[in-house]
């Protein structure tokens, strides 16, 4: 059962991986950039702010 507690620590490390997910979110917006680069410029900055945080 004590091994289960160790898993909790690993979950904390997973949180860091979730932050990378924010970078993947704008990935689908890449194709939209060709349609309107000005519009993609606005949602991209806020997404990147979460990554360095």
Protein backbone atom coordinates (compact mmCIF):
# COMPACT_ATOMS: atom_id res chain seq x y z
CA UNK A 1 0.00 0.00 0.00
CA UNK A 2 2.91 2.32 0.70
CA UNK A 3 3.83 1.90 -2.99
CA UNK A 4 0.54 3.58 -3.86
CA UNK A 5 1.72 6.70 -2.06
CA UNK A 6 4.75 6.79 -4.34
CA UNK A 7 2.36 7.00 -7.28
CA UNK A 8 1.06 10.29 -5.88
CA UNK A 9 4.52 11.81 -6.31
CA UNK A 10 4.58 10.67 -9.93
CA UNK A 11 1.21 12.34 -10.48
CA UNK A 12 2.74 15.65 -9.46
CA UNK A 13 5.35 15.21 -12.21
CA UNK A 14 2.49 14.58 -14.65
CA UNK A 15 1.21 18.09 -13.90
CA UNK A 16 4.28 19.49 -15.66
CA UNK A 17 3.43 17.39 -18.70
CA UNK A 18 -0.10 18.82 -18.69
CA UNK A 19 1.42 22.30 -19.11
CA UNK A 20 2.95 21.11 -22.38
CA UNK A 21 -0.58 20.27 -23.48
CA UNK A 22 -1.24 24.02 -23.72
CA UNK A 23 1.36 24.20 -26.50
CA UNK A 24 -0.37 21.36 -28.32
CA UNK A 25 -3.71 23.18 -28.09
CA UNK A 26 -2.62 25.96 -30.46
CA UNK A 27 -1.29 23.29 -32.84
CA UNK A 28 -4.78 22.86 -34.38
CA UNK A 29 -4.90 26.66 -34.73
CA UNK A 30 -1.88 26.53 -37.06
CA UNK A 31 -4.09 25.71 -40.07
CA UNK A 32 -6.38 28.57 -39.02
CA UNK A 33 -3.41 30.94 -39.17
CA UNK A 34 -3.45 30.64 -42.96
CA UNK A 35 -7.08 31.78 -42.90
CA UNK A 36 -6.50 34.69 -40.51
CA UNK A 37 -2.99 35.16 -39.04
CA UNK A 38 -4.17 38.26 -37.19
CA UNK A 39 -6.80 36.24 -35.30
CA UNK A 40 -4.30 33.47 -34.40
CA UNK A 41 -1.87 36.06 -33.06
CA UNK A 42 -4.29 36.93 -30.24
CA UNK A 43 -5.02 33.40 -28.88
CA UNK A 44 -1.37 32.30 -29.28
CA UNK A 45 0.21 34.75 -26.77
CA UNK A 46 -2.14 33.80 -23.88
CA UNK A 47 -1.53 30.11 -24.50
CA UNK A 48 2.23 30.58 -24.38
CA UNK A 49 2.00 32.54 -21.12
CA UNK A 50 0.73 29.40 -19.37
CA UNK A 51 3.75 27.39 -20.60
CA UNK A 52 6.50 29.58 -19.01
CA UNK A 53 4.42 29.92 -15.85
